[in-house]
């Protein structure tokens, strides 16, 4: 506790009332014409995105699948068979990717056959019809086991989908299975040595971690298995693996996407979000998944999802907030690349405004107390009854969590109130905040990690450095790849905006994709479309 400074808040006098759930009301009702026509904007967005494709390697995205389906060149059923063959080959490999941990041939083929029939009759359901997707094992998907990365949960197959899975089915997507994850989401590497999972490999370098906890979702997208995957983000668990694997990751505003059917590991910090090959694909997933769900009360009061302004040709009206001291607290390669990306945005008309993010250490500690305390509470029966079946790292983190007191938790939520008030003032002067995605690139896997797990506090701190602010306060955040290290590992930048303003993230993210000159092909890449 002392070494990690987890007692820091005990010595502070915080007068603010605690905020236990970061639900924020919409500031004002803006009648944007575009906001009423999200589904009309999406095809335009996809068209613009496809026009910006580069002549060298490009990830196959949603639009590539749609082009093939609409032309009849490839059918969803052919795609499904290619994916099944790839999954079978991977299982036989001496170094398996281990992105998908549960899949069912009959389920995949049935969804693909139905989608193929819809294309033949020209009665498709959405832009996701026939698109292969996977969902993190933390999310309920029929008929798979809801294990959340453990070997003791989900003893029986699920009989009810999570809301997110249900929406994907209704959109016509092909769910290719559930993806690997760090056990119970309590870790940032994706290392999981238990018998049902193993450690997912980074497609850019299989000797490095994917990041966690949505490790398999990131590996599946970056390897080409599917252009879209879902994860959950309580402490960077979507954005860290997206950053490490060179893809796009979105953590929406807290409450924006229903968490019904997910294990409630941390009820106040977690947001469900997409990992994708492009910003446009993330916007498609956002448009389909966002919105109120009567079974998820935290999102009932949200404003209507909007894509207003995403196709604006420049950034002349935007002020980008940067705390340069915080921004520079990363590896030199990451700093140099991210600084160039900020300059690029300035060249599109945006102005960079120096801001100061105070109390960053208090924010870090408050987030750790909130997420671990809530996990410890939810997992109390598991900690008592299944302790010996948990990975060593999980046991350690839950043991640390047991040392937090009720006063620690209340103090942490008082700090949350302070930080949210600070951000409200800051967003009155700037449109967004920009940081690097992570302070380091994907760490290397040690042989011992595969047997006993990995617990490296220094790497965890560097990995989560830029993540915790958004999780504690509930603001939305997007990571976009902007380059590579000298060793070829991906580097990403992060944009954070005020509550409910995901459209601004997409607008800036689309521009940052133009900065990112050449997309390097991952060492492990499957061409599912066969092109």
Protein backbone atom coordinates (compact mmCIF):
# COMPACT_ATOMS: atom_id res chain seq x y z
CA UNK A 1 0.00 0.00 0.00
CA UNK A 2 2.72 2.48 0.97
CA UNK A 3 5.08 1.59 -1.89
CA UNK A 4 2.34 2.27 -4.42
CA UNK A 5 1.19 5.42 -2.56
CA UNK A 6 -2.31 3.97 -2.20
CA UNK A 7 -2.67 5.72 1.18
CA UNK A 8 -2.17 9.20 -0.35
CA UNK A 9 -5.80 10.28 -0.07
CA UNK A 10 -5.99 9.43 3.63
CA UNK A 11 -4.06 12.59 4.49
CA UNK A 12 -6.15 14.99 2.38
CA UNK A 13 -9.09 17.09 3.50
CA UNK A 14 -11.57 16.75 0.64
CA UNK A 15 -14.75 18.77 1.14
CA UNK A 16 -16.57 17.69 -2.01
CA UNK A 17 -19.49 15.32 -1.74
CA UNK A 18 -18.55 11.94 -3.19
CA UNK A 19 -19.66 10.95 -6.71
CA UNK A 20 -20.12 7.20 -6.71
CA UNK A 21 -21.23 6.88 -10.35
CA UNK A 22 -20.00 9.43 -12.96
CA UNK A 23 -23.33 9.97 -14.72
CA UNK A 24 -23.44 13.48 -16.21
CA UNK A 25 -26.51 15.19 -17.63
CA UNK A 26 -26.39 16.63 -21.13
CA UNK A 27 -25.30 20.27 -20.96
CA UNK A 28 -27.85 21.63 -23.42
CA UNK A 29 -30.18 20.46 -26.13
CA UNK A 30 -28.63 21.16 -29.52
CA UNK A 31 -30.81 20.53 -32.53
CA UNK A 32 -28.21 19.38 -35.03
CA UNK A 33 -29.84 18.30 -38.29
CA UNK A 34 -27.24 15.54 -38.63
CA UNK A 35 -27.95 14.15 -35.17
CA UNK A 36 -31.35 12.96 -36.38
CA UNK A 37 -29.80 11.06 -39.30
CA UNK A 38 -26.93 9.03 -37.87
CA UNK A 39 -27.69 6.07 -40.12
CA UNK A 40 -27.59 8.37 -43.17
CA UNK A 41 -24.22 9.80 -42.16
CA UNK A 42 -22.57 6.40 -41.70
CA UNK A 43 -22.45 5.44 -45.42
CA UNK A 44 -20.90 8.84 -46.22
CA UNK A 45 -18.38 8.31 -43.46
CA UNK A 46 -17.50 4.87 -44.79
CA UNK A 47 -17.11 6.25 -48.30
CA UNK A 48 -14.74 8.99 -47.16
CA UNK A 49 -12.76 6.48 -45.13
CA UNK A 50 -12.41 4.04 -48.05
CA UNK A 51 -11.24 6.83 -50.37
CA UNK A 52 -8.35 7.54 -48.02
CA UNK A 53 -7.01 3.96 -48.31
CA UNK A 54 -3.30 3.84 -49.15
CA UNK A 55 -1.73 1.90 -52.01
CA UNK A 56 0.36 -0.34 -49.72
CA UNK A 57 -0.88 -2.58 -46.89
CA UNK A 58 -4.24 -1.71 -45.34
CA UNK A 59 -6.29 -3.54 -42.78
CA UNK A 60 -9.46 -4.97 -44.28
CA UNK A 61 -12.28 -2.97 -42.76
CA UNK A 62 -16.06 -3.07 -42.82
CA UNK A 63 -16.25 -1.30 -46.18
CA UNK A 64 -13.95 -3.88 -47.78
CA UNK A 65 -16.29 -6.66 -46.66
CA UNK A 66 -19.34 -4.75 -47.87
CA UNK A 67 -17.77 -4.12 -51.28
CA UNK A 68 -17.11 -7.83 -51.72
CA UNK A 69 -20.56 -8.86 -50.54
CA UNK A 70 -22.41 -6.32 -52.68
CA UNK A 71 -20.45 -7.21 -55.80
CA UNK A 72 -20.94 -10.93 -55.21
CA UNK A 73 -17.19 -11.49 -55.31
CA UNK A 74 -17.31 -13.09 -51.86
CA UNK A 75 -20.24 -14.16 -49.68
CA UNK A 76 -20.54 -14.07 -45.89
CA UNK A 77 -20.64 -17.88 -45.97
CA UNK A 78 -17.28 -18.02 -47.76
CA UNK A 79 -15.86 -15.60 -45.20
CA UNK A 80 -17.17 -17.76 -42.37
CA UNK A 81 -15.53 -20.87 -43.84
CA UNK A 82 -12.24 -18.99 -44.18
CA UNK A 83 -12.42 -17.91 -40.54
CA UNK A 84 -13.19 -21.45 -39.35
CA UNK A 85 -10.23 -22.81 -41.33
CA UNK A 86 -8.00 -20.11 -39.85
CA UNK A 87 -9.14 -20.87 -36.30
CA UNK A 88 -8.47 -24.57 -36.84
CA UNK A 89 -5.01 -23.84 -38.23
CA UNK A 90 -4.25 -21.53 -35.31
CA UNK A 91 -5.16 -24.21 -32.78
CA UNK A 92 -2.66 -26.56 -34.44
CA UNK A 93 0.08 -23.92 -34.59
CA UNK A 94 3.23 -24.20 -32.48
CA UNK A 95 2.70 -20.56 -31.47
CA UNK A 96 -1.08 -20.00 -31.51
CA UNK A 97 -2.45 -16.46 -31.55
CA UNK A 98 -5.02 -17.45 -28.88
CA UNK A 99 -7.30 -14.54 -29.72
CA UNK A 100 -10.56 -16.53 -29.81
CA UNK A 101 -10.99 -18.88 -26.85
CA UNK A 102 -14.50 -20.22 -27.62
CA UNK A 103 -16.08 -20.70 -31.02
CA UNK A 104 -18.68 -22.96 -32.58
CA UNK A 105 -18.65 -24.03 -36.23
CA UNK A 106 -22.43 -24.49 -36.47
CA UNK A 107 -23.17 -21.11 -34.88
CA UNK A 108 -20.81 -19.28 -37.23
CA UNK A 109 -22.10 -21.03 -40.35
CA UNK A 110 -25.74 -20.46 -39.43
CA UNK A 111 -25.26 -16.69 -39.04
CA UNK A 112 -23.24 -16.59 -42.26
CA UNK A 113 -25.85 -18.54 -44.22
CA UNK A 114 -28.60 -16.19 -43.03
CA UNK A 115 -26.54 -13.16 -44.00
CA UNK A 116 -25.73 -14.60 -47.42
CA UNK A 117 -29.43 -15.11 -48.07
CA UNK A 118 -30.15 -11.52 -47.10
CA UNK A 119 -27.53 -10.24 -49.55
CA UNK A 120 -28.99 -12.41 -52.30
CA UNK A 121 -32.46 -10.99 -51.66
CA UNK A 122 -31.10 -7.45 -51.12
CA UNK A 123 -32.64 -7.25 -47.67
CA UNK A 124 -29.62 -6.60 -45.48
CA UNK A 125 -30.15 -5.41 -41.92
CA UNK A 126 -27.35 -2.86 -41.41
CA UNK A 127 -23.78 -1.96 -42.29
CA UNK A 128 -22.73 -4.80 -39.98
CA UNK A 129 -24.65 -7.47 -41.88
CA UNK A 130 -22.20 -10.28 -42.63
CA UNK A 131 -19.33 -8.57 -40.80
CA UNK A 132 -17.36 -10.95 -38.58
CA UNK A 133 -17.06 -9.77 -34.98
CA UNK A 134 -15.96 -11.21 -31.66
CA UNK A 135 -16.82 -10.21 -28.10
CA UNK A 136 -14.68 -10.26 -24.99
CA UNK A 137 -15.41 -13.23 -22.72
CA UNK A 138 -16.66 -10.80 -20.06
CA UNK A 139 -19.77 -10.27 -22.24
CA UNK A 140 -22.53 -12.92 -22.35
CA UNK A 141 -22.88 -14.56 -25.75
CA UNK A 142 -25.11 -17.58 -26.42
CA UNK A 143 -24.07 -20.45 -26.38
CA UNK A 144 -20.64 -19.80 -24.92
CA UNK A 145 -19.38 -19.98 -21.33
CA UNK A 146 -19.31 -16.64 -19.50
CA UNK A 147 -15.91 -17.17 -17.89
CA UNK A 148 -14.35 -13.68 -17.85
CA UNK A 149 -10.91 -15.19 -18.24
CA UNK A 150 -11.23 -17.63 -15.34
CA UNK A 151 -11.33 -21.41 -15.10
CA UNK A 152 -14.12 -21.50 -12.51
CA UNK A 153 -16.90 -19.17 -13.79
CA UNK A 154 -19.45 -20.01 -16.49
CA UNK A 155 -19.71 -23.71 -15.82
CA UNK A 156 -22.84 -23.88 -18.00
CA UNK A 157 -23.30 -22.36 -21.50
CA UNK A 158 -25.16 -19.04 -21.62
CA UNK A 159 -28.82 -18.98 -22.59
CA UNK A 160 -29.26 -15.17 -22.81
CA UNK A 161 -27.21 -12.63 -24.75
CA UNK A 162 -25.86 -9.42 -23.29
CA UNK A 163 -27.50 -6.34 -24.80
CA UNK A 164 -24.42 -5.70 -26.95
CA UNK A 165 -24.45 -9.24 -28.35
CA UNK A 166 -28.17 -8.99 -28.99
CA UNK A 167 -27.72 -5.72 -30.92
CA UNK A 168 -24.96 -7.25 -33.05
CA UNK A 169 -27.20 -10.21 -33.91
CA UNK A 170 -30.06 -7.87 -34.82
CA UNK A 171 -27.64 -5.95 -37.07
CA UNK A 172 -26.77 -9.19 -38.92
CA UNK A 173 -23.17 -9.49 -37.73
CA UNK A 174 -21.45 -12.89 -37.72
CA UNK A 175 -20.26 -13.55 -34.17
CA UNK A 176 -17.19 -15.72 -34.63
CA UNK A 177 -16.76 -16.47 -30.92
CA UNK A 178 -15.68 -14.95 -27.64
CA UNK A 179 -12.22 -13.53 -27.21
CA UNK A 180 -9.43 -14.01 -24.70
CA UNK A 181 -8.89 -11.65 -21.79
CA UNK A 182 -6.78 -11.00 -18.74
CA UNK A 183 -8.33 -12.97 -15.88
CA UNK A 184 -11.29 -10.99 -14.45
CA UNK A 185 -9.94 -7.90 -16.20
CA UNK A 186 -7.49 -7.29 -13.34
CA UNK A 187 -4.37 -6.57 -15.39
CA UNK A 188 -3.01 -4.61 -18.32
CA UNK A 189 -0.79 -7.14 -20.15
CA UNK A 190 -3.29 -9.77 -21.30
CA UNK A 191 -1.19 -12.46 -19.66
CA UNK A 192 -3.44 -15.35 -18.61
CA UNK A 193 -1.74 -18.69 -17.87
CA UNK A 194 -4.83 -20.67 -16.90
CA UNK A 195 -5.81 -23.79 -18.84
CA UNK A 196 -8.80 -22.40 -20.75
CA UNK A 197 -7.10 -19.31 -22.08
CA UNK A 198 -3.35 -18.92 -22.33
CA UNK A 199 -1.78 -15.63 -23.34
CA UNK A 200 -2.91 -13.93 -26.54
CA UNK A 201 -0.03 -12.88 -28.80
CA UNK A 202 0.56 -9.45 -30.30
CA UNK A 203 0.18 -9.78 -34.08
CA UNK A 204 2.94 -7.21 -34.65
CA UNK A 205 5.38 -9.28 -32.62
CA UNK A 206 4.16 -12.52 -31.01
CA UNK A 207 6.93 -12.28 -28.42
CA UNK A 208 5.21 -9.21 -26.97
CA UNK A 209 1.98 -8.78 -25.03
CA UNK A 210 -1.21 -7.53 -26.62
CA UNK A 211 -2.10 -5.42 -23.60
CA UNK A 212 -5.20 -6.04 -21.53
CA UNK A 213 -7.60 -6.76 -20.41
CA UNK A 214 -9.36 -7.01 -23.82
CA UNK A 215 -6.38 -8.90 -25.19
CA UNK A 216 -8.07 -11.35 -27.56
CA UNK A 217 -10.30 -8.67 -29.08
CA UNK A 218 -7.25 -6.59 -30.05
CA UNK A 219 -5.34 -9.61 -31.37
CA UNK A 220 -8.33 -10.72 -33.47
CA UNK A 221 -8.70 -7.32 -35.15
CA UNK A 222 -4.98 -6.64 -35.66
CA UNK A 223 -4.46 -10.13 -37.13
CA UNK A 224 -7.29 -9.69 -39.65
CA UNK A 225 -9.56 -12.37 -38.15
CA UNK A 226 -12.33 -9.77 -37.95
CA UNK A 227 -12.49 -6.02 -38.57
CA UNK A 228 -14.42 -5.32 -35.37
CA UNK A 229 -14.42 -6.61 -31.81
CA UNK A 230 -15.92 -5.56 -28.50
CA UNK A 231 -14.14 -5.09 -25.21
CA UNK A 232 -14.73 -3.42 -21.87
CA UNK A 233 -12.64 -0.58 -20.44
CA UNK A 234 -12.38 0.01 -16.68
CA UNK A 235 -8.76 1.15 -16.59
CA UNK A 236 -7.77 1.29 -20.25
CA UNK A 237 -8.81 -2.28 -21.05
CA UNK A 238 -9.96 -1.35 -24.58
CA UNK A 239 -7.49 1.46 -25.24
CA UNK A 240 -4.32 -0.25 -23.97
CA UNK A 241 -4.60 -3.36 -26.21
CA UNK A 242 -5.73 -1.18 -29.12
CA UNK A 243 -2.61 0.97 -28.62
CA UNK A 244 -0.26 -1.99 -28.28
CA UNK A 245 -1.73 -3.73 -31.35
CA UNK A 246 -1.91 -0.71 -33.66
CA UNK A 247 -5.67 -0.41 -34.04
CA UNK A 248 -8.45 2.00 -32.98
CA UNK A 249 -10.11 1.71 -29.57
CA UNK A 250 -13.06 3.66 -28.15
CA UNK A 251 -14.14 4.07 -24.54
CA UNK A 252 -17.46 5.87 -24.77
CA UNK A 253 -18.98 8.14 -22.16
CA UNK A 254 -19.90 6.22 -19.01
CA UNK A 255 -23.43 4.88 -19.55
CA UNK A 256 -23.42 5.39 -23.34
CA UNK A 257 -23.43 1.65 -24.15
CA UNK A 258 -25.35 -0.88 -22.11
CA UNK A 259 -23.33 -3.11 -19.81
CA UNK A 260 -26.27 -5.45 -19.24
CA UNK A 261 -25.02 -9.01 -19.53
CA UNK A 262 -21.43 -8.17 -18.64
CA UNK A 263 -19.93 -9.22 -15.33
CA UNK A 264 -20.25 -6.07 -13.15
CA UNK A 265 -16.62 -6.17 -12.13
CA UNK A 266 -16.45 -2.41 -11.53
CA UNK A 267 -19.80 -0.68 -11.87
CA UNK A 268 -18.51 2.93 -11.82
CA UNK A 269 -15.47 2.83 -14.11
CA UNK A 270 -16.26 0.41 -16.94
CA UNK A 271 -17.52 1.27 -20.42
CA UNK A 272 -18.08 -1.23 -23.22
CA UNK A 273 -16.47 -0.20 -26.50
CA UNK A 274 -15.26 -1.29 -29.94
CA UNK A 275 -11.80 -2.15 -31.19
CA UNK A 276 -11.57 -1.73 -34.95
CA UNK A 277 -9.37 -1.26 -37.98
CA UNK A 278 -10.42 2.37 -38.49
CA UNK A 279 -12.16 5.34 -36.91
CA UNK A 280 -15.07 4.96 -39.35
CA UNK A 281 -15.57 1.35 -38.26
CA UNK A 282 -15.56 2.43 -34.60
CA UNK A 283 -18.23 5.01 -35.47
CA UNK A 284 -20.39 2.32 -37.09
CA UNK A 285 -20.18 0.14 -33.98
CA UNK A 286 -20.87 3.15 -31.76
CA UNK A 287 -23.97 4.10 -33.76
CA UNK A 288 -25.40 0.59 -33.50
CA UNK A 289 -24.50 -0.12 -29.87
CA UNK A 290 -25.06 3.24 -28.15
CA UNK A 291 -28.36 4.26 -26.64
CA UNK A 292 -30.49 3.65 -23.56
CA UNK A 293 -31.34 0.16 -22.35
CA UNK A 294 -34.05 -0.26 -19.67
CA UNK A 295 -31.94 -3.04 -18.15
CA UNK A 296 -28.95 -0.67 -17.64
CA UNK A 297 -30.07 2.33 -15.56
CA UNK A 298 -26.86 4.38 -15.83
CA UNK A 299 -27.50 5.15 -19.50
CA UNK A 300 -31.20 5.95 -19.39
CA UNK A 301 -30.78 9.74 -19.33
CA UNK A 302 -28.23 9.98 -22.14
CA UNK A 303 -28.67 12.35 -25.10
CA UNK A 304 -29.31 10.89 -28.51
CA UNK A 305 -26.09 9.54 -30.10
CA UNK A 306 -24.81 11.97 -32.71
CA UNK A 307 -22.25 12.08 -35.49
CA UNK A 308 -22.68 15.82 -36.07
CA UNK A 309 -19.66 17.48 -37.64
CA UNK A 310 -17.58 14.35 -38.13
CA UNK A 311 -17.10 15.08 -41.84
CA UNK A 312 -16.07 18.73 -41.39
CA UNK A 313 -13.09 19.20 -43.74
CA UNK A 314 -10.83 21.02 -41.29
CA UNK A 315 -10.32 21.64 -37.57
CA UNK A 316 -10.27 25.45 -37.63
CA UNK A 317 -12.80 25.90 -34.83
CA UNK A 318 -11.15 23.51 -32.36
CA UNK A 319 -8.95 24.13 -29.34
CA UNK A 320 -6.85 21.15 -28.33
CA UNK A 321 -5.81 21.08 -24.68
CA UNK A 322 -2.36 19.65 -23.90
CA UNK A 323 -0.66 19.40 -20.51
CA UNK A 324 2.86 19.16 -21.87
CA UNK A 325 4.43 18.02 -18.61
CA UNK A 326 2.00 15.11 -18.48
CA UNK A 327 2.23 14.55 -22.25
CA UNK A 328 6.02 14.15 -22.07
CA UNK A 329 5.93 11.48 -19.34
CA UNK A 330 6.46 8.70 -21.88
CA UNK A 331 9.19 6.97 -23.86
CA UNK A 332 11.18 9.21 -26.20
CA UNK A 333 9.98 7.44 -29.38
CA UNK A 334 6.37 7.81 -28.35
CA UNK A 335 6.83 11.47 -27.44
CA UNK A 336 8.48 12.35 -30.75
CA UNK A 337 5.73 10.66 -32.80
CA UNK A 338 2.85 12.09 -30.77
CA UNK A 339 4.30 15.61 -30.86
CA UNK A 340 4.40 15.40 -34.66
CA UNK A 341 0.78 14.24 -34.67
CA UNK A 342 -0.25 17.29 -32.63
CA UNK A 343 1.63 19.54 -35.08
CA UNK A 344 -0.26 17.86 -37.90
CA UNK A 345 -3.57 18.77 -36.26
CA UNK A 346 -2.37 22.35 -35.93
CA UNK A 347 -1.72 22.32 -39.66
CA UNK A 348 -5.40 21.53 -40.19
CA UNK A 349 -6.39 24.71 -38.36
CA UNK A 350 -6.69 23.54 -34.76
CA UNK A 351 -5.08 25.62 -32.05
CA UNK A 352 -3.14 24.00 -29.21
CA UNK A 353 -3.84 25.41 -25.76
CA UNK A 354 -1.53 24.73 -22.82
CA UNK A 355 -3.52 23.36 -19.90
CA UNK A 356 -2.58 22.03 -16.49
CA UNK A 357 -4.06 18.81 -15.15
CA UNK A 358 -3.53 19.07 -11.39
CA UNK A 359 -3.76 16.28 -8.84
CA UNK A 360 -2.74 13.57 -11.30
CA UNK A 361 -1.32 11.39 -8.54
CA UNK A 362 -4.52 11.75 -6.53
CA UNK A 363 -6.53 10.86 -9.66
CA UNK A 364 -4.41 7.74 -10.17
CA UNK A 365 -4.86 6.60 -6.58
CA UNK A 366 -8.59 7.40 -6.58
CA UNK A 367 -9.10 5.32 -9.72
CA UNK A 368 -7.18 2.36 -8.30
CA UNK A 369 -9.19 2.49 -5.07
CA UNK A 370 -12.51 2.69 -6.92
CA UNK A 371 -11.91 -0.06 -9.45
CA UNK A 372 -10.21 -2.51 -7.09
CA UNK A 373 -12.69 -1.93 -4.26
CA UNK A 374 -15.63 -2.55 -6.57
CA UNK A 375 -13.98 -5.65 -8.03
CA UNK A 376 -13.22 -6.94 -4.54
CA UNK A 377 -16.84 -6.40 -3.53
CA UNK A 378 -18.26 -8.21 -6.56
CA UNK A 379 -15.73 -11.04 -6.27
CA UNK A 380 -16.10 -11.58 -2.52
CA UNK A 381 -17.65 -15.08 -2.93
CA UNK A 382 -15.02 -15.99 -5.54
CA UNK A 383 -12.19 -14.76 -3.32
CA UNK A 384 -13.45 -16.97 -0.52
CA UNK A 385 -14.42 -20.05 -2.52
CA UNK A 386 -12.24 -20.08 -5.66
CA UNK A 387 -9.05 -18.44 -4.44
CA UNK A 388 -6.89 -21.43 -5.34
CA UNK A 389 -8.21 -21.40 -8.93
CA UNK A 390 -7.26 -17.76 -9.53
CA UNK A 391 -4.03 -16.67 -11.19
CA UNK A 392 -1.36 -15.39 -8.81
CA UNK A 393 -1.65 -11.82 -10.11
CA UNK A 394 -5.41 -11.84 -9.51
CA UNK A 395 -4.93 -13.05 -5.96
CA UNK A 396 -2.37 -10.31 -5.31
CA UNK A 397 -4.55 -7.51 -6.65
CA UNK A 398 -7.63 -8.67 -4.76
CA UNK A 399 -5.56 -9.02 -1.59
CA UNK A 400 -4.39 -5.42 -2.01
CA UNK A 401 -7.99 -4.36 -2.56
CA UNK A 402 -8.98 -5.97 0.74
CA UNK A 403 -6.76 -3.43 2.51
CA UNK A 404 -8.80 -0.45 1.31
CA UNK A 405 -11.25 0.89 3.87
CA UNK A 406 -14.69 2.45 3.53
CA UNK A 407 -13.02 5.80 4.22
CA UNK A 408 -10.55 5.18 1.36
CA UNK A 409 -13.46 4.50 -1.01
CA UNK A 410 -15.38 7.60 0.06
CA UNK A 411 -12.26 9.76 -0.22
CA UNK A 412 -11.62 8.38 -3.71
CA UNK A 413 -15.13 9.34 -4.77
CA UNK A 414 -14.69 12.81 -3.27
CA UNK A 415 -11.63 13.08 -5.49
CA UNK A 416 -13.78 11.97 -8.42
CA UNK A 417 -16.13 14.90 -7.72
CA UNK A 418 -13.20 17.33 -7.66
CA UNK A 419 -11.78 15.99 -10.90
CA UNK A 420 -15.11 16.05 -12.72
CA UNK A 421 -15.65 19.66 -11.67
CA UNK A 422 -12.14 20.50 -12.90
CA UNK A 423 -12.86 18.92 -16.27
CA UNK A 424 -16.14 20.80 -16.63
CA UNK A 425 -14.20 24.04 -16.21
CA UNK A 426 -11.47 22.89 -18.58
CA UNK A 427 -13.89 21.89 -21.34
CA UNK A 428 -15.34 25.40 -21.21
CA UNK A 429 -12.00 26.56 -22.66
CA UNK A 430 -10.86 23.65 -24.83
CA UNK A 431 -12.72 21.11 -26.96
CA UNK A 432 -10.63 18.11 -26.07
CA UNK A 433 -7.55 16.87 -24.25
CA UNK A 434 -4.73 15.07 -26.06
CA UNK A 435 -2.15 12.66 -24.62
CA UNK A 436 -0.13 9.72 -25.91
CA UNK A 437 -2.06 6.45 -25.80
CA UNK A 438 0.39 4.67 -23.50
CA UNK A 439 3.72 5.73 -22.02
CA UNK A 440 5.47 2.64 -23.37
CA UNK A 441 5.08 0.16 -26.21
CA UNK A 442 3.97 -3.43 -25.73
CA UNK A 443 6.26 -5.17 -23.21
CA UNK A 444 8.07 -8.37 -24.07
CA UNK A 445 6.73 -11.72 -22.85
CA UNK A 446 9.09 -13.58 -20.52
CA UNK A 447 9.02 -17.37 -20.47
CA UNK A 448 8.01 -17.39 -16.80
CA UNK A 449 4.98 -15.17 -17.57
CA UNK A 450 3.38 -17.99 -19.54
CA UNK A 451 3.59 -20.29 -16.52
CA UNK A 452 2.91 -18.08 -13.51
CA UNK A 453 1.54 -14.81 -14.90
CA UNK A 454 3.06 -11.34 -14.94
CA UNK A 455 2.98 -8.68 -12.23
CA UNK A 456 5.23 -5.71 -13.02
CA UNK A 457 4.09 -2.60 -11.15
CA UNK A 458 6.38 -0.24 -13.05
CA UNK A 459 5.10 -1.40 -16.44
CA UNK A 460 1.50 -1.31 -15.21
CA UNK A 461 1.92 2.32 -14.11
CA UNK A 462 3.38 3.31 -17.48
CA UNK A 463 0.73 1.40 -19.39
CA UNK A 464 -2.17 3.00 -17.49
CA UNK A 465 -0.71 6.49 -17.12
CA UNK A 466 -2.97 8.22 -19.64
CA UNK A 467 -5.98 5.95 -19.15
CA UNK A 468 -7.24 6.54 -15.63
CA UNK A 469 -8.57 10.09 -15.99
CA UNK A 470 -11.31 9.01 -18.42
CA UNK A 471 -12.30 5.96 -16.38
CA UNK A 472 -12.56 7.87 -13.10
CA UNK A 473 -14.62 10.73 -14.55
CA UNK A 474 -16.60 8.92 -17.27
CA UNK A 475 -15.49 11.10 -20.21
CA UNK A 476 -15.11 9.44 -23.64
CA UNK A 477 -11.69 8.66 -25.09
CA UNK A 478 -10.36 7.35 -28.40
CA UNK A 479 -6.92 5.95 -29.27
CA UNK A 480 -5.62 6.03 -32.85
CA UNK A 481 -2.36 4.51 -34.17
CA UNK A 482 0.09 7.17 -35.33
CA UNK A 483 3.35 5.30 -35.93
CA UNK A 484 5.81 2.64 -34.84
CA UNK A 485 8.84 2.34 -32.61
CA UNK A 486 12.27 1.56 -34.02
CA UNK A 487 11.56 -2.10 -33.24
CA UNK A 488 8.27 -2.01 -35.17
CA UNK A 489 5.82 -1.88 -32.26
CA UNK A 490 2.75 0.37 -32.65
CA UNK A 491 2.47 3.85 -31.11
CA UNK A 492 -0.88 5.55 -30.49
CA UNK A 493 -2.27 8.92 -29.47
CA UNK A 494 -5.37 9.56 -27.33
CA UNK A 495 -8.14 12.15 -27.57
CA UNK A 496 -10.52 12.80 -24.67
CA UNK A 497 -13.63 14.98 -24.95
CA UNK A 498 -16.43 16.14 -22.68
CA UNK A 499 -19.22 13.79 -21.73
CA UNK A 500 -21.41 12.59 -24.66
CA UNK A 501 -19.19 14.20 -27.32
CA UNK A 502 -17.96 11.05 -29.06
CA UNK A 503 -18.63 12.76 -32.41
CA UNK A 504 -15.73 15.12 -31.76
CA UNK A 505 -13.43 12.15 -31.12
CA UNK A 506 -14.38 10.66 -34.49
CA UNK A 507 -13.92 14.00 -36.24
CA UNK A 508 -10.36 14.43 -34.95
CA UNK A 509 -9.58 10.72 -35.25
CA UNK A 510 -10.42 10.74 -38.96
CA UNK A 511 -7.86 13.50 -39.46
CA UNK A 512 -5.20 11.66 -37.45
CA UNK A 513 -5.57 8.68 -39.77
CA UNK A 514 -4.30 10.96 -42.55
CA UNK A 515 -1.17 11.72 -40.48
CA UNK A 516 -0.41 8.03 -40.06
CA UNK A 517 1.46 7.55 -43.35
CA UNK A 518 2.15 3.84 -43.86
CA UNK A 519 0.41 1.01 -42.05
CA UNK A 520 2.89 -1.75 -41.32
CA UNK A 521 1.61 -5.26 -41.92
CA UNK A 522 1.52 -7.32 -38.71
CA UNK A 523 3.79 -10.37 -38.49
CA UNK A 524 0.63 -12.46 -38.02
CA UNK A 525 -2.06 -11.45 -40.49
CA UNK A 526 -4.88 -13.49 -42.02
CA UNK A 527 -6.40 -12.37 -45.30
CA UNK A 528 -9.93 -13.59 -44.65
CA UNK A 529 -11.29 -11.99 -47.83
CA UNK A 530 -8.60 -13.73 -49.89
CA UNK A 531 -7.57 -10.59 -51.76
